[in-house]
Amino acid sequence: MWDSLVQTAKSNGLNVYKYLNYIFSLLEQQEVDIEDYSPWNFKVKEKCAN
């Protein structure tokens, strides 16, 4: 599972370290939509781009 997450992040031009930190920070929130974790999400790309 983690490998596919990492590879998808790389495919979408994200910094993997920033991406993983970002999604772990989202886990602290009560209600999070799965789209909030997706590497192709515009918010994710904005925060985690290389």
Protein backbone atom coordinates (compact mmCIF):
# COMPACT_ATOMS: atom_id res chain seq x y z
CA MET A 1 0.00 0.00 0.00
CA TRP A 2 2.66 2.55 0.98
CA ASP A 3 4.69 1.82 -2.12
CA SER A 4 1.76 2.56 -4.40
CA LEU A 5 1.09 5.79 -2.49
CA VAL A 6 4.73 6.83 -2.87
CA GLN A 7 4.85 5.91 -6.56
CA THR A 8 1.61 7.77 -7.28
CA ALA A 9 2.95 10.84 -5.49
CA LYS A 10 6.13 10.69 -7.60
CA SER A 11 4.06 10.30 -10.80
CA ASN A 12 2.18 13.47 -9.90
CA GLY A 13 5.38 15.45 -9.36
CA LEU A 14 5.14 15.65 -5.58
CA ASN A 15 7.90 15.71 -3.01
CA VAL A 16 7.25 12.37 -1.26
CA TYR A 17 8.44 13.59 2.15
CA LYS A 18 6.15 16.65 2.00
CA TYR A 19 3.27 14.51 0.75
CA LEU A 20 3.51 11.95 3.54
CA ASN A 21 3.81 14.69 6.16
CA TYR A 22 0.77 16.40 4.67
CA ILE A 23 -1.46 13.33 4.68
CA PHE A 24 -0.39 12.40 8.21
CA SER A 25 -1.36 15.89 9.34
CA LEU A 26 -4.80 15.34 7.78
CA LEU A 27 -5.28 12.20 9.84
CA GLU A 28 -5.57 14.38 12.93
CA GLN A 29 -8.77 15.94 11.59
CA GLN A 30 -12.13 14.37 12.40
CA GLU A 31 -13.76 14.43 8.97
CA VAL A 32 -11.52 14.03 5.97
CA ASP A 33 -12.63 12.98 2.51
CA ILE A 34 -10.42 10.41 0.76
CA GLU A 35 -9.94 12.93 -2.05
CA ASP A 36 -8.03 15.10 0.44
CA TYR A 37 -5.28 12.44 0.42
CA SER A 38 -5.06 11.94 -3.34
CA PRO A 39 -1.79 12.99 -4.98
CA TRP A 40 -3.71 14.53 -7.89
CA ASN A 41 -5.74 16.78 -5.56
CA PHE A 42 -4.95 20.44 -6.33
CA LYS A 43 -4.45 21.27 -2.62
CA VAL A 44 -1.99 18.40 -2.25
CA LYS A 45 -0.09 19.46 -5.36
CA GLU A 46 0.06 23.03 -4.09
CA LYS A 47 1.53 22.03 -0.74
CA CYS A 48 3.76 19.15 -1.83
CA ALA A 49 5.14 19.98 -5.27
CA ASN A 50 8.85 19.41 -5.85
